[in-house]
Amino acid sequence: MEAARQYNVHEAKTHFSKILEAVATGEEVIISKSGEPVAKVIPLRGKVRRTARGSLTEPVVFHDDFDDLSNDPGFAEAFGLGEEDAAE
């Protein structure tokens, strides 16, 4: 693992936005005063991947032929359905 970047207080004030961008990508940053480390800036946590109902950001679109298995006989065969089952 790469060592954390270190900034003195003046540099940290000047480059605060840059420091936040680095932290957002997972880096850790040390803030020093008079050459002595006094603070560590770390990411809070990664983005949460939600899979629960209602957590999608956009609506799901089902096309009119969504469940029409007659378009792909190989698909019906993969699930053990015959041609007649796929046409239903």
C-alpha atoms as a PDB file:
ATOM      1  CA  MET A   1       0.000   0.000   0.000  1.00  0.00           C
ATOM      2  CA  GLU A   2       1.207   3.478  -0.864  1.00  0.00           C
ATOM      3  CA  ALA A   3       2.104   5.829   1.978  1.00  0.00           C
ATOM      4  CA  ALA A   4      -0.429   8.542   2.779  1.00  0.00           C
ATOM      5  CA  ARG A   5       0.232  11.983   1.315  1.00  0.00           C
ATOM      6  CA  GLN A   6       1.201  14.594   3.853  1.00  0.00           C
ATOM      7  CA  TYR A   7       0.297  18.300   3.818  1.00  0.00           C
ATOM      8  CA  ASN A   8       1.126  21.047   6.278  1.00  0.00           C
ATOM      9  CA  VAL A   9      -1.748  23.186   7.550  1.00  0.00           C
ATOM     10  CA  HIS A  10      -1.168  25.982   5.017  1.00  0.00           C
ATOM     11  CA  GLU A  11      -1.041  23.533   2.078  1.00  0.00           C
ATOM     12  CA  ALA A  12      -4.135  21.760   3.377  1.00  0.00           C
ATOM     13  CA  LYS A  13      -6.072  25.046   3.449  1.00  0.00           C
ATOM     14  CA  THR A  14      -4.880  25.984  -0.020  1.00  0.00           C
ATOM     15  CA  HIS A  15      -5.531  22.573  -1.603  1.00  0.00           C
ATOM     16  CA  PHE A  16      -8.566  21.460   0.411  1.00  0.00           C
ATOM     17  CA  SER A  17     -10.680  20.590  -2.670  1.00  0.00           C
ATOM     18  CA  LYS A  18      -7.815  18.554  -4.136  1.00  0.00           C
ATOM     19  CA  ILE A  19      -7.415  16.718  -0.820  1.00  0.00           C
ATOM     20  CA  LEU A  20     -11.125  15.884  -0.711  1.00  0.00           C
ATOM     21  CA  GLU A  21     -10.987  14.520  -4.279  1.00  0.00           C
ATOM     22  CA  ALA A  22      -8.049  12.292  -3.327  1.00  0.00           C
ATOM     23  CA  VAL A  23      -9.850  11.042  -0.229  1.00  0.00           C
ATOM     24  CA  ALA A  24     -13.002  10.358  -2.267  1.00  0.00           C
ATOM     25  CA  THR A  25     -10.966   7.978  -4.448  1.00  0.00           C
ATOM     26  CA  GLY A  26      -9.809   6.040  -1.391  1.00  0.00           C
ATOM     27  CA  GLU A  27      -6.544   7.770  -0.489  1.00  0.00           C
ATOM     28  CA  GLU A  28      -5.605   8.739   3.044  1.00  0.00           C
ATOM     29  CA  VAL A  29      -4.099  12.175   3.735  1.00  0.00           C
ATOM     30  CA  ILE A  30      -2.086  13.312   6.754  1.00  0.00           C
ATOM     31  CA  ILE A  31      -2.221  16.930   7.959  1.00  0.00           C
ATOM     32  CA  SER A  32       0.844  18.134   9.836  1.00  0.00           C
ATOM     33  CA  LYS A  33       1.571  21.144  12.015  1.00  0.00           C
ATOM     34  CA  SER A  34       5.205  22.152  12.468  1.00  0.00           C
ATOM     35  CA  GLY A  35       6.249  18.876  10.844  1.00  0.00           C
ATOM     36  CA  GLU A  36       4.292  16.706  13.280  1.00  0.00           C
ATOM     37  CA  PRO A  37       1.249  14.735  12.035  1.00  0.00           C
ATOM     38  CA  VAL A  38      -1.900  15.919  13.817  1.00  0.00           C
ATOM     39  CA  ALA A  39      -4.764  14.564  11.700  1.00  0.00           C
ATOM     40  CA  LYS A  40      -5.578  11.864   9.218  1.00  0.00           C
ATOM     41  CA  VAL A  41      -8.266  12.411   6.567  1.00  0.00           C
ATOM     42  CA  ILE A  42      -9.758   9.105   5.422  1.00  0.00           C
ATOM     43  CA  PRO A  43     -12.768   8.094   3.340  1.00  0.00           C
ATOM     44  CA  LEU A  44     -15.850   7.400   5.460  1.00  0.00           C
ATOM     45  CA  ARG A  45     -16.890   4.326   3.494  1.00  0.00           C
ATOM     46  CA  GLY A  46     -17.527   3.071   0.018  1.00  0.00           C
ATOM     47  CA  LYS A  47     -20.741   3.687  -1.861  1.00  0.00           C
ATOM     48  CA  VAL A  48     -23.600   1.504  -0.764  1.00  0.00           C
ATOM     49  CA  ARG A  49     -24.919  -0.821  -3.437  1.00  0.00           C
ATOM     50  CA  ARG A  50     -28.599  -1.184  -2.679  1.00  0.00           C
ATOM     51  CA  THR A  51     -30.543  -4.143  -3.968  1.00  0.00           C
ATOM     52  CA  ALA A  52     -33.729  -3.706  -1.988  1.00  0.00           C
ATOM     53  CA  ARG A  53     -37.063  -2.960  -3.588  1.00  0.00           C
ATOM     54  CA  GLY A  54     -37.422   0.679  -4.547  1.00  0.00           C
ATOM     55  CA  SER A  55     -33.693   1.407  -4.603  1.00  0.00           C
ATOM     56  CA  LEU A  56     -33.294   1.821  -8.367  1.00  0.00           C
ATOM     57  CA  THR A  57     -32.551   5.324  -9.571  1.00  0.00           C
ATOM     58  CA  GLU A  58     -34.399   4.909 -12.857  1.00  0.00           C
ATOM     59  CA  PRO A  59     -37.568   3.002 -13.769  1.00  0.00           C
ATOM     60  CA  VAL A  60     -37.280  -0.468 -15.266  1.00  0.00           C
ATOM     61  CA  VAL A  61     -38.732  -0.723 -18.766  1.00  0.00           C
ATOM     62  CA  PHE A  62     -40.251  -3.985 -20.021  1.00  0.00           C
ATOM     63  CA  HIS A  63     -40.738  -4.138 -23.772  1.00  0.00           C
ATOM     64  CA  ASP A  64     -43.906  -5.615 -25.271  1.00  0.00           C
ATOM     65  CA  ASP A  65     -42.118  -8.817 -26.338  1.00  0.00           C
ATOM     66  CA  PHE A  66     -40.393  -9.323 -22.953  1.00  0.00           C
ATOM     67  CA  ASP A  67     -41.824 -12.793 -22.292  1.00  0.00           C
ATOM     68  CA  ASP A  68     -42.168 -13.905 -25.931  1.00  0.00           C
ATOM     69  CA  LEU A  69     -39.956 -16.992 -26.096  1.00  0.00           C
ATOM     70  CA  SER A  70     -40.781 -17.665 -29.750  1.00  0.00           C
ATOM     71  CA  ASN A  71     -38.090 -15.156 -30.774  1.00  0.00           C
ATOM     72  CA  ASP A  72     -35.331 -17.375 -29.432  1.00  0.00           C
ATOM     73  CA  PRO A  73     -35.932 -21.134 -29.569  1.00  0.00           C
ATOM     74  CA  GLY A  74     -32.557 -21.777 -27.891  1.00  0.00           C
ATOM     75  CA  PHE A  75     -33.746 -19.934 -24.806  1.00  0.00           C
ATOM     76  CA  ALA A  76     -36.855 -22.114 -24.479  1.00  0.00           C
ATOM     77  CA  GLU A  77     -34.754 -25.242 -24.996  1.00  0.00           C
ATOM     78  CA  ALA A  78     -32.344 -24.156 -22.247  1.00  0.00           C
ATOM     79  CA  PHE A  79     -35.236 -24.204 -19.784  1.00  0.00           C
ATOM     80  CA  GLY A  80     -36.585 -27.536 -20.984  1.00  0.00           C
ATOM     81  CA  LEU A  81     -39.526 -26.017 -22.822  1.00  0.00           C
ATOM     82  CA  GLY A  82     -40.627 -27.286 -26.202  1.00  0.00           C
ATOM     83  CA  GLU A  83     -41.511 -25.113 -29.184  1.00  0.00           C
ATOM     84  CA  GLU A  84     -45.201 -25.308 -28.259  1.00  0.00           C
ATOM     85  CA  ASP A  85     -44.488 -24.120 -24.690  1.00  0.00           C
ATOM     86  CA  ALA A  86     -42.461 -21.173 -25.995  1.00  0.00           C
ATOM     87  CA  ALA A  87     -45.328 -19.983 -28.211  1.00  0.00           C
ATOM     88  CA  GLU A  88     -47.735 -19.616 -25.252  1.00  0.00           C
END
